[in-house]
Amino acid sequence: MADVRQLKVQSESDPAQVHQLYDEWAAGYDKDLIAWGYDAPAVGAAMLGKLVATDARVLDAGCGTGLTGLALRDAGFQNIVGIDFSAPSLQKASATD
């Protein structure tokens, strides 16, 4: 599980440290966020579904491991592009069905 103290100071950290934190966290990221009750992907996808047709192209900037992409797909969106600076996170996202 990620050290919450590290997350609290990430905005003040060197970008390379933040990059390293997310690269190292990629393997357990989904499990940790689910354990914390993180529901932003589902809430965001539901909100977007009320405002935008599901055939729209959606950019998931900072997609991480793909949690929001999955929620968008579950909400009916099919044309989703995800970008992130963490290669391990992108690898996990691209391996998700």
PDB file of N, CA and C in Angstrom:
ATOM      1  N   MET A   1       0.842  -1.172   0.000  1.00  0.00           N
ATOM      2  CA  MET A   1       0.000   0.000   0.000  1.00  0.00           C
ATOM      3  C   MET A   1       0.887   1.234   0.000  1.00  0.00           C
ATOM      4  N   ALA A   2       0.474   2.236  -0.744  1.00  0.00           N
ATOM      5  CA  ALA A   2       1.249   3.466  -0.821  1.00  0.00           C
ATOM      6  C   ALA A   2       1.236   4.182   0.519  1.00  0.00           C
ATOM      7  N   ASP A   3       2.319   4.844   0.817  1.00  0.00           N
ATOM      8  CA  ASP A   3       2.417   5.616   2.039  1.00  0.00           C
ATOM      9  C   ASP A   3       1.654   6.916   1.831  1.00  0.00           C
ATOM     10  N   VAL A   4       0.586   7.109   2.573  1.00  0.00           N
ATOM     11  CA  VAL A   4      -0.268   8.280   2.417  1.00  0.00           C
ATOM     12  C   VAL A   4       0.518   9.561   2.651  1.00  0.00           C
ATOM     13  N   ARG A   5       1.504   9.515   3.529  1.00  0.00           N
ATOM     14  CA  ARG A   5       2.318  10.709   3.767  1.00  0.00           C
ATOM     15  C   ARG A   5       3.035  11.133   2.496  1.00  0.00           C
ATOM     16  N   GLN A   6       3.478  10.166   1.693  1.00  0.00           N
ATOM     17  CA  GLN A   6       4.133  10.510   0.433  1.00  0.00           C
ATOM     18  C   GLN A   6       3.146  11.190  -0.500  1.00  0.00           C
ATOM     19  N   LEU A   7       1.911  10.735  -0.511  1.00  0.00           N
ATOM     20  CA  LEU A   7       0.916  11.308  -1.396  1.00  0.00           C
ATOM     21  C   LEU A   7       0.573  12.736  -1.001  1.00  0.00           C
ATOM     22  N   LYS A   8       0.558  13.019   0.282  1.00  0.00           N
ATOM     23  CA  LYS A   8       0.223  14.358   0.755  1.00  0.00           C
ATOM     24  C   LYS A   8       1.240  15.399   0.318  1.00  0.00           C
ATOM     25  N   VAL A   9       2.487  15.010   0.176  1.00  0.00           N
ATOM     26  CA  VAL A   9       3.520  15.975  -0.185  1.00  0.00           C
ATOM     27  C   VAL A   9       3.914  15.899  -1.648  1.00  0.00           C
ATOM     28  N   GLN A  10       3.230  15.094  -2.420  1.00  0.00           N
ATOM     29  CA  GLN A  10       3.670  14.921  -3.800  1.00  0.00           C
ATOM     30  C   GLN A  10       3.631  16.219  -4.604  1.00  0.00           C
ATOM     31  N   SER A  11       2.697  17.115  -4.298  1.00  0.00           N
ATOM     32  CA  SER A  11       2.622  18.357  -5.059  1.00  0.00           C
ATOM     33  C   SER A  11       3.816  19.257  -4.781  1.00  0.00           C
ATOM     34  N   GLU A  12       4.505  19.025  -3.679  1.00  0.00           N
ATOM     35  CA  GLU A  12       5.685  19.811  -3.333  1.00  0.00           C
ATOM     36  C   GLU A  12       6.973  19.107  -3.733  1.00  0.00           C
ATOM     37  N   SER A  13       6.880  17.917  -4.280  1.00  0.00           N
ATOM     38  CA  SER A  13       8.044  17.094  -4.574  1.00  0.00           C
ATOM     39  C   SER A  13       8.616  17.391  -5.949  1.00  0.00           C
ATOM     40  N   ASP A  14       9.811  16.938  -6.115  1.00  0.00           N
ATOM     41  CA  ASP A  14      10.463  16.964  -7.409  1.00  0.00           C
ATOM     42  C   ASP A  14       9.648  16.083  -8.360  1.00  0.00           C
ATOM     43  N   PRO A  15       9.389  16.528  -9.578  1.00  0.00           N
ATOM     44  CA  PRO A  15       8.614  15.715 -10.519  1.00  0.00           C
ATOM     45  C   PRO A  15       9.167  14.298 -10.702  1.00  0.00           C
ATOM     46  N   ALA A  16      10.468  14.145 -10.634  1.00  0.00           N
ATOM     47  CA  ALA A  16      11.053  12.808 -10.777  1.00  0.00           C
ATOM     48  C   ALA A  16      10.648  11.908  -9.613  1.00  0.00           C
ATOM     49  N   GLN A  17      10.516  12.474  -8.405  1.00  0.00           N
ATOM     50  CA  GLN A  17      10.084  11.692  -7.250  1.00  0.00           C
ATOM     51  C   GLN A  17       8.624  11.259  -7.406  1.00  0.00           C
ATOM     52  N   VAL A  18       7.798  12.152  -7.903  1.00  0.00           N
ATOM     53  CA  VAL A  18       6.388  11.810  -8.123  1.00  0.00           C
ATOM     54  C   VAL A  18       6.289  10.708  -9.168  1.00  0.00           C
ATOM     55  N   HIS A  19       7.048  10.845 -10.236  1.00  0.00           N
ATOM     56  CA  HIS A  19       7.088   9.840 -11.301  1.00  0.00           C
ATOM     57  C   HIS A  19       7.475   8.485 -10.719  1.00  0.00           C
ATOM     58  N   GLN A  20       8.525   8.461  -9.914  1.00  0.00           N
ATOM     59  CA  GLN A  20       8.988   7.215  -9.307  1.00  0.00           C
ATOM     60  C   GLN A  20       7.928   6.628  -8.380  1.00  0.00           C
ATOM     61  N   LEU A  21       7.269   7.474  -7.598  1.00  0.00           N
ATOM     62  CA  LEU A  21       6.215   7.007  -6.694  1.00  0.00           C
ATOM     63  C   LEU A  21       5.130   6.269  -7.463  1.00  0.00           C
ATOM     64  N   TYR A  22       4.638   6.859  -8.556  1.00  0.00           N
ATOM     65  CA  TYR A  22       3.572   6.221  -9.321  1.00  0.00           C
ATOM     66  C   TYR A  22       4.055   4.985 -10.079  1.00  0.00           C
ATOM     67  N   ASP A  23       5.290   5.016 -10.568  1.00  0.00           N
ATOM     68  CA  ASP A  23       5.833   3.826 -11.220  1.00  0.00           C
ATOM     69  C   ASP A  23       5.882   2.649 -10.239  1.00  0.00           C
ATOM     70  N   GLU A  24       6.346   2.925  -9.024  1.00  0.00           N
ATOM     71  CA  GLU A  24       6.457   1.863  -8.028  1.00  0.00           C
ATOM     72  C   GLU A  24       5.101   1.424  -7.499  1.00  0.00           C
ATOM     73  N   TRP A  25       4.126   2.307  -7.515  1.00  0.00           N
ATOM     74  CA  TRP A  25       2.802   2.030  -6.970  1.00  0.00           C
ATOM     75  C   TRP A  25       1.882   1.328  -7.964  1.00  0.00           C
ATOM     76  N   ALA A  26       2.241   1.317  -9.230  1.00  0.00           N
ATOM     77  CA  ALA A  26       1.354   0.819 -10.287  1.00  0.00           C
ATOM     78  C   ALA A  26       0.786  -0.566  -9.989  1.00  0.00           C
ATOM     79  N   ALA A  27       1.582  -1.460  -9.492  1.00  0.00           N
ATOM     80  CA  ALA A  27       1.130  -2.838  -9.262  1.00  0.00           C
ATOM     81  C   ALA A  27       0.003  -2.915  -8.232  1.00  0.00           C
ATOM     82  N   GLY A  28       0.044  -2.085  -7.213  1.00  0.00           N
ATOM     83  CA  GLY A  28      -0.968  -2.148  -6.166  1.00  0.00           C
ATOM     84  C   GLY A  28      -1.957  -0.996  -6.165  1.00  0.00           C
ATOM     85  N   TYR A  29      -1.844  -0.111  -7.141  1.00  0.00           N
ATOM     86  CA  TYR A  29      -2.647   1.120  -7.188  1.00  0.00           C
ATOM     87  C   TYR A  29      -4.153   0.843  -7.132  1.00  0.00           C
ATOM     88  N   ASP A  30      -4.645  -0.007  -8.001  1.00  0.00           N
ATOM     89  CA  ASP A  30      -6.094  -0.277  -8.046  1.00  0.00           C
ATOM     90  C   ASP A  30      -6.587  -0.835  -6.717  1.00  0.00           C
ATOM     91  N   LYS A  31      -5.866  -1.796  -6.184  1.00  0.00           N
ATOM     92  CA  LYS A  31      -6.258  -2.420  -4.919  1.00  0.00           C
ATOM     93  C   LYS A  31      -6.309  -1.384  -3.794  1.00  0.00           C
ATOM     94  N   ASP A  32      -5.299  -0.515  -3.738  1.00  0.00           N
ATOM     95  CA  ASP A  32      -5.265   0.510  -2.697  1.00  0.00           C
ATOM     96  C   ASP A  32      -6.444   1.471  -2.830  1.00  0.00           C
ATOM     97  N   LEU A  33      -6.685   1.979  -4.025  1.00  0.00           N
ATOM     98  CA  LEU A  33      -7.762   2.943  -4.198  1.00  0.00           C
ATOM     99  C   LEU A  33      -9.126   2.329  -3.914  1.00  0.00           C
ATOM    100  N   ILE A  34      -9.324   1.098  -4.308  1.00  0.00           N
ATOM    101  CA  ILE A  34     -10.591   0.413  -4.012  1.00  0.00           C
ATOM    102  C   ILE A  34     -10.746   0.253  -2.501  1.00  0.00           C
ATOM    103  N   ALA A  35      -9.657  -0.096  -1.803  1.00  0.00           N
ATOM    104  CA  ALA A  35      -9.707  -0.240  -0.350  1.00  0.00           C
ATOM    105  C   ALA A  35     -10.030   1.087   0.337  1.00  0.00           C
ATOM    106  N   TRP A  36      -9.635   2.189  -0.276  1.00  0.00           N
ATOM    107  CA  TRP A  36      -9.896   3.512   0.294  1.00  0.00           C
ATOM    108  C   TRP A  36     -11.307   4.004  -0.032  1.00  0.00           C
ATOM    109  N   GLY A  37     -12.066   3.235  -0.826  1.00  0.00           N
ATOM    110  CA  GLY A  37     -13.415   3.650  -1.203  1.00  0.00           C
ATOM    111  C   GLY A  37     -13.434   4.700  -2.298  1.00  0.00           C
ATOM    112  N   TYR A  38     -12.387   4.759  -3.082  1.00  0.00           N
ATOM    113  CA  TYR A  38     -12.253   5.743  -4.162  1.00  0.00           C
ATOM    114  C   TYR A  38     -13.312   5.495  -5.223  1.00  0.00           C
ATOM    115  N   ASP A  39     -14.202   6.465  -5.426  1.00  0.00           N
ATOM    116  CA  ASP A  39     -15.283   6.289  -6.394  1.00  0.00           C
ATOM    117  C   ASP A  39     -15.294   7.355  -7.488  1.00  0.00           C
ATOM    118  N   ALA A  40     -14.243   8.163  -7.565  1.00  0.00           N
ATOM    119  CA  ALA A  40     -14.190   9.233  -8.563  1.00  0.00           C
ATOM    120  C   ALA A  40     -14.363   8.738 -10.001  1.00  0.00           C
ATOM    121  N   PRO A  41     -13.777   7.603 -10.403  1.00  0.00           N
ATOM    122  CA  PRO A  41     -13.982   7.159 -11.781  1.00  0.00           C
ATOM    123  C   PRO A  41     -15.460   6.931 -12.121  1.00  0.00           C
ATOM    124  N   ALA A  42     -16.175   6.240 -11.265  1.00  0.00           N
ATOM    125  CA  ALA A  42     -17.595   5.966 -11.534  1.00  0.00           C
ATOM    126  C   ALA A  42     -18.413   7.248 -11.492  1.00  0.00           C
ATOM    127  N   VAL A  43     -18.132   8.112 -10.526  1.00  0.00           N
ATOM    128  CA  VAL A  43     -18.867   9.378 -10.418  1.00  0.00           C
ATOM    129  C   VAL A  43     -18.601  10.242 -11.649  1.00  0.00           C
ATOM    130  N   GLY A  44     -17.339  10.353 -12.032  1.00  0.00           N
ATOM    131  CA  GLY A  44     -16.977  11.152 -13.203  1.00  0.00           C
ATOM    132  C   GLY A  44     -17.580  10.613 -14.490  1.00  0.00           C
ATOM    133  N   ALA A  45     -17.554   9.294 -14.662  1.00  0.00           N
ATOM    134  CA  ALA A  45     -18.122   8.688 -15.868  1.00  0.00           C
ATOM    135  C   ALA A  45     -19.629   8.929 -15.931  1.00  0.00           C
ATOM    136  N   ALA A  46     -20.295   8.825 -14.804  1.00  0.00           N
ATOM    137  CA  ALA A  46     -21.745   9.074 -14.773  1.00  0.00           C
ATOM    138  C   ALA A  46     -22.054  10.528 -15.111  1.00  0.00           C
ATOM    139  N   MET A  47     -21.260  11.448 -14.586  1.00  0.00           N
ATOM    140  CA  MET A  47     -21.462  12.868 -14.880  1.00  0.00           C
ATOM    141  C   MET A  47     -21.227  13.156 -16.361  1.00  0.00           C
ATOM    142  N   LEU A  48     -20.149  12.597 -16.910  1.00  0.00           N
ATOM    143  CA  LEU A  48     -19.848  12.815 -18.319  1.00  0.00           C
ATOM    144  C   LEU A  48     -20.947  12.234 -19.204  1.00  0.00           C
ATOM    145  N   GLY A  49     -21.485  11.090 -18.805  1.00  0.00           N
ATOM    146  CA  GLY A  49     -22.557  10.463 -19.566  1.00  0.00           C
ATOM    147  C   GLY A  49     -23.807  11.317 -19.648  1.00  0.00           C
ATOM    148  N   LYS A  50     -24.005  12.213 -18.682  1.00  0.00           N
ATOM    149  CA  LYS A  50     -25.153  13.119 -18.708  1.00  0.00           C
ATOM    150  C   LYS A  50     -24.918  14.324 -19.613  1.00  0.00           C
ATOM    151  N   LEU A  51     -23.654  14.595 -19.928  1.00  0.00           N
ATOM    152  CA  LEU A  51     -23.305  15.800 -20.677  1.00  0.00           C
ATOM    153  C   LEU A  51     -22.854  15.548 -22.103  1.00  0.00           C
ATOM    154  N   VAL A  52     -22.358  14.343 -22.364  1.00  0.00           N
ATOM    155  CA  VAL A  52     -21.722  14.052 -23.649  1.00  0.00           C
ATOM    156  C   VAL A  52     -22.266  12.733 -24.190  1.00  0.00           C
ATOM    157  N   ALA A  53     -22.488  12.685 -25.497  1.00  0.00           N
ATOM    158  CA  ALA A  53     -22.936  11.439 -26.124  1.00  0.00           C
ATOM    159  C   ALA A  53     -21.861  10.372 -25.971  1.00  0.00           C
ATOM    160  N   THR A  54     -22.282   9.143 -25.734  1.00  0.00           N
ATOM    161  CA  THR A  54     -21.317   8.068 -25.496  1.00  0.00           C
ATOM    162  C   THR A  54     -20.501   7.705 -26.730  1.00  0.00           C
ATOM    163  N   ASP A  55     -20.855   8.244 -27.906  1.00  0.00           N
ATOM    164  CA  ASP A  55     -20.026   7.991 -29.086  1.00  0.00           C
ATOM    165  C   ASP A  55     -18.923   9.044 -29.251  1.00  0.00           C
ATOM    166  N   ALA A  56     -18.823   9.976 -28.296  1.00  0.00           N
ATOM    167  CA  ALA A  56     -17.779  10.997 -28.337  1.00  0.00           C
ATOM    168  C   ALA A  56     -16.429  10.380 -28.024  1.00  0.00           C
ATOM    169  N   ARG A  57     -15.396  10.987 -28.546  1.00  0.00           N
ATOM    170  CA  ARG A  57     -14.032  10.573 -28.213  1.00  0.00           C
ATOM    171  C   ARG A  57     -13.655  11.226 -26.882  1.00  0.00           C
ATOM    172  N   VAL A  58     -13.144  10.432 -25.941  1.00  0.00           N
ATOM    173  CA  VAL A  58     -12.839  10.922 -24.600  1.00  0.00           C
ATOM    174  C   VAL A  58     -11.344  10.765 -24.330  1.00  0.00           C
ATOM    175  N   LEU A  59     -10.710  11.840 -23.873  1.00  0.00           N
ATOM    176  CA  LEU A  59      -9.309  11.789 -23.460  1.00  0.00           C
ATOM    177  C   LEU A  59      -9.265  11.648 -21.949  1.00  0.00           C
ATOM    178  N   ASP A  60      -8.644  10.577 -21.485  1.00  0.00           N
ATOM    179  CA  ASP A  60      -8.436  10.349 -20.057  1.00  0.00           C
ATOM    180  C   ASP A  60      -6.989  10.726 -19.770  1.00  0.00           C
ATOM    181  N   ALA A  61      -6.766  12.008 -19.474  1.00  0.00           N
ATOM    182  CA  ALA A  61      -5.421  12.515 -19.210  1.00  0.00           C
ATOM    183  C   ALA A  61      -5.031  12.156 -17.777  1.00  0.00           C
ATOM    184  N   GLY A  62      -3.895  11.508 -17.634  1.00  0.00           N
ATOM    185  CA  GLY A  62      -3.487  11.013 -16.320  1.00  0.00           C
ATOM    186  C   GLY A  62      -4.252   9.750 -15.983  1.00  0.00           C
ATOM    187  N   CYS A  63      -4.380   8.875 -16.971  1.00  0.00           N
ATOM    188  CA  CYS A  63      -5.242   7.688 -16.855  1.00  0.00           C
ATOM    189  C   CYS A  63      -4.740   6.658 -15.864  1.00  0.00           C
ATOM    190  N   GLY A  64      -3.477   6.732 -15.495  1.00  0.00           N
ATOM    191  CA  GLY A  64      -2.950   5.760 -14.542  1.00  0.00           C
ATOM    192  C   GLY A  64      -3.152   4.342 -15.030  1.00  0.00           C
ATOM    193  N   THR A  65      -3.698   3.513 -14.175  1.00  0.00           N
ATOM    194  CA  THR A  65      -3.880   2.092 -14.476  1.00  0.00           C
ATOM    195  C   THR A  65      -5.175   1.800 -15.213  1.00  0.00           C
ATOM    196  N   GLY A  66      -5.944   2.841 -15.506  1.00  0.00           N
ATOM    197  CA  GLY A  66      -7.147   2.667 -16.317  1.00  0.00           C
ATOM    198  C   GLY A  66      -8.461   2.579 -15.563  1.00  0.00           C
ATOM    199  N   LEU A  67      -8.484   2.928 -14.279  1.00  0.00           N
ATOM    200  CA  LEU A  67      -9.727   2.841 -13.518  1.00  0.00           C
ATOM    201  C   LEU A  67     -10.839   3.700 -14.127  1.00  0.00           C
ATOM    202  N   THR A  68     -10.498   4.922 -14.530  1.00  0.00           N
ATOM    203  CA  THR A  68     -11.516   5.795 -15.117  1.00  0.00           C
ATOM    204  C   THR A  68     -11.914   5.290 -16.495  1.00  0.00           C
ATOM    205  N   GLY A  69     -10.968   4.769 -17.249  1.00  0.00           N
ATOM    206  CA  GLY A  69     -11.307   4.198 -18.553  1.00  0.00           C
ATOM    207  C   GLY A  69     -12.304   3.058 -18.431  1.00  0.00           C
ATOM    208  N   LEU A  70     -12.113   2.223 -17.435  1.00  0.00           N
ATOM    209  CA  LEU A  70     -13.067   1.124 -17.203  1.00  0.00           C
ATOM    210  C   LEU A  70     -14.445   1.663 -16.842  1.00  0.00           C
ATOM    211  N   ALA A  71     -14.475   2.683 -15.994  1.00  0.00           N
ATOM    212  CA  ALA A  71     -15.761   3.277 -15.606  1.00  0.00           C
ATOM    213  C   ALA A  71     -16.431   3.935 -16.809  1.00  0.00           C
ATOM    214  N   LEU A  72     -15.640   4.580 -17.656  1.00  0.00           N
ATOM    215  CA  LEU A  72     -16.194   5.189 -18.868  1.00  0.00           C
ATOM    216  C   LEU A  72     -16.769   4.110 -19.791  1.00  0.00           C
ATOM    217  N   ARG A  73     -16.032   3.028 -19.947  1.00  0.00           N
ATOM    218  CA  ARG A  73     -16.524   1.925 -20.780  1.00  0.00           C
ATOM    219  C   ARG A  73     -17.816   1.352 -20.199  1.00  0.00           C
ATOM    220  N   ASP A  74     -17.856   1.191 -18.886  1.00  0.00           N
ATOM    221  CA  ASP A  74     -19.066   0.680 -18.240  1.00  0.00           C
ATOM    222  C   ASP A  74     -20.255   1.626 -18.423  1.00  0.00           C
ATOM    223  N   ALA A  75     -19.962   2.927 -18.584  1.00  0.00           N
ATOM    224  CA  ALA A  75     -21.012   3.923 -18.800  1.00  0.00           C
ATOM    225  C   ALA A  75     -21.417   4.020 -20.266  1.00  0.00           C
ATOM    226  N   GLY A  76     -20.783   3.210 -21.123  1.00  0.00           N
ATOM    227  CA  GLY A  76     -21.167   3.173 -22.529  1.00  0.00           C
ATOM    228  C   GLY A  76     -20.220   3.834 -23.496  1.00  0.00           C
ATOM    229  N   PHE A  77     -19.171   4.480 -22.999  1.00  0.00           N
ATOM    230  CA  PHE A  77     -18.193   5.114 -23.887  1.00  0.00           C
ATOM    231  C   PHE A  77     -17.288   4.045 -24.482  1.00  0.00           C
ATOM    232  N   GLN A  78     -16.989   4.161 -25.772  1.00  0.00           N
ATOM    233  CA  GLN A  78     -16.149   3.165 -26.437  1.00  0.00           C
ATOM    234  C   GLN A  78     -14.887   3.755 -27.058  1.00  0.00           C
ATOM    235  N   ASN A  79     -14.877   5.063 -27.278  1.00  0.00           N
ATOM    236  CA  ASN A  79     -13.745   5.705 -27.940  1.00  0.00           C
ATOM    237  C   ASN A  79     -12.952   6.495 -26.897  1.00  0.00           C
ATOM    238  N   ILE A  80     -12.128   5.783 -26.136  1.00  0.00           N
ATOM    239  CA  ILE A  80     -11.398   6.358 -25.008  1.00  0.00           C
ATOM    240  C   ILE A  80      -9.900   6.283 -25.286  1.00  0.00           C
ATOM    241  N   VAL A  81      -9.221   7.405 -25.101  1.00  0.00           N
ATOM    242  CA  VAL A  81      -7.771   7.464 -25.249  1.00  0.00           C
ATOM    243  C   VAL A  81      -7.197   7.847 -23.893  1.00  0.00           C
ATOM    244  N   GLY A  82      -6.271   7.046 -23.378  1.00  0.00           N
ATOM    245  CA  GLY A  82      -5.650   7.334 -22.097  1.00  0.00           C
ATOM    246  C   GLY A  82      -4.188   7.673 -22.257  1.00  0.00           C
ATOM    247  N   ILE A  83      -3.748   8.685 -21.515  1.00  0.00           N
ATOM    248  CA  ILE A  83      -2.328   9.054 -21.494  1.00  0.00           C
ATOM    249  C   ILE A  83      -1.877   9.181 -20.041  1.00  0.00           C
ATOM    250  N   ASP A  84      -0.605   8.865 -19.791  1.00  0.00           N
ATOM    251  CA  ASP A  84      -0.053   8.985 -18.450  1.00  0.00           C
ATOM    252  C   ASP A  84       1.463   9.000 -18.554  1.00  0.00           C
ATOM    253  N   PHE A  85       2.137   9.583 -17.560  1.00  0.00           N
ATOM    254  CA  PHE A  85       3.602   9.608 -17.570  1.00  0.00           C
ATOM    255  C   PHE A  85       4.215   8.331 -17.017  1.00  0.00           C
ATOM    256  N   SER A  86       3.427   7.491 -16.373  1.00  0.00           N
ATOM    257  CA  SER A  86       3.953   6.275 -15.750  1.00  0.00           C
ATOM    258  C   SER A  86       3.803   5.077 -16.686  1.00  0.00           C
ATOM    259  N   ALA A  87       4.918   4.618 -17.222  1.00  0.00           N
ATOM    260  CA  ALA A  87       4.894   3.470 -18.126  1.00  0.00           C
ATOM    261  C   ALA A  87       4.323   2.211 -17.463  1.00  0.00           C
ATOM    262  N   PRO A  88       4.690   1.887 -16.219  1.00  0.00           N
ATOM    263  CA  PRO A  88       4.090   0.703 -15.589  1.00  0.00           C
ATOM    264  C   PRO A  88       2.569   0.828 -15.437  1.00  0.00           C
ATOM    265  N   SER A  89       2.077   2.024 -15.162  1.00  0.00           N
ATOM    266  CA  SER A  89       0.628   2.222 -15.069  1.00  0.00           C
ATOM    267  C   SER A  89      -0.024   2.009 -16.422  1.00  0.00           C
ATOM    268  N   LEU A  90       0.583   2.564 -17.475  1.00  0.00           N
ATOM    269  CA  LEU A  90       0.030   2.383 -18.821  1.00  0.00           C
ATOM    270  C   LEU A  90       0.035   0.921 -19.235  1.00  0.00           C
ATOM    271  N   GLN A  91       1.083   0.195 -18.866  1.00  0.00           N
ATOM    272  CA  GLN A  91       1.132  -1.231 -19.181  1.00  0.00           C
ATOM    273  C   GLN A  91      -0.012  -1.965 -18.506  1.00  0.00           C
ATOM    274  N   LYS A  92      -0.293  -1.615 -17.262  1.00  0.00           N
ATOM    275  CA  LYS A  92      -1.395  -2.247 -16.549  1.00  0.00           C
ATOM    276  C   LYS A  92      -2.720  -1.853 -17.188  1.00  0.00           C
ATOM    277  N   ALA A  93      -2.871  -0.600 -17.559  1.00  0.00           N
ATOM    278  CA  ALA A  93      -4.114  -0.151 -18.196  1.00  0.00           C
ATOM    279  C   ALA A  93      -4.334  -0.851 -19.524  1.00  0.00           C
ATOM    280  N   SER A  94      -3.297  -1.004 -20.310  1.00  0.00           N
ATOM    281  CA  SER A  94      -3.451  -1.607 -21.630  1.00  0.00           C
ATOM    282  C   SER A  94      -3.730  -3.122 -21.546  1.00  0.00           C
ATOM    283  N   ALA A  95      -3.383  -3.726 -20.414  1.00  0.00           N
ATOM    284  CA  ALA A  95      -3.639  -5.163 -20.235  1.00  0.00           C
ATOM    285  C   ALA A  95      -5.032  -5.431 -19.687  1.00  0.00           C
ATOM    286  N   THR A  96      -5.767  -4.366 -19.361  1.00  0.00           N
ATOM    287  CA  THR A  96      -7.105  -4.515 -18.788  1.00  0.00           C
ATOM    288  C   THR A  96      -8.128  -4.714 -19.897  1.00  0.00           C
ATOM    289  N   ASP A  97      -9.008  -5.665 -19.692  1.00  0.00           N
ATOM    290  CA  ASP A  97     -10.066  -5.897 -20.682  1.00  0.00           C
ATOM    291  C   ASP A  97     -11.192  -4.941 -20.497  1.00  0.00           C
TER     292      ASP A  97
END
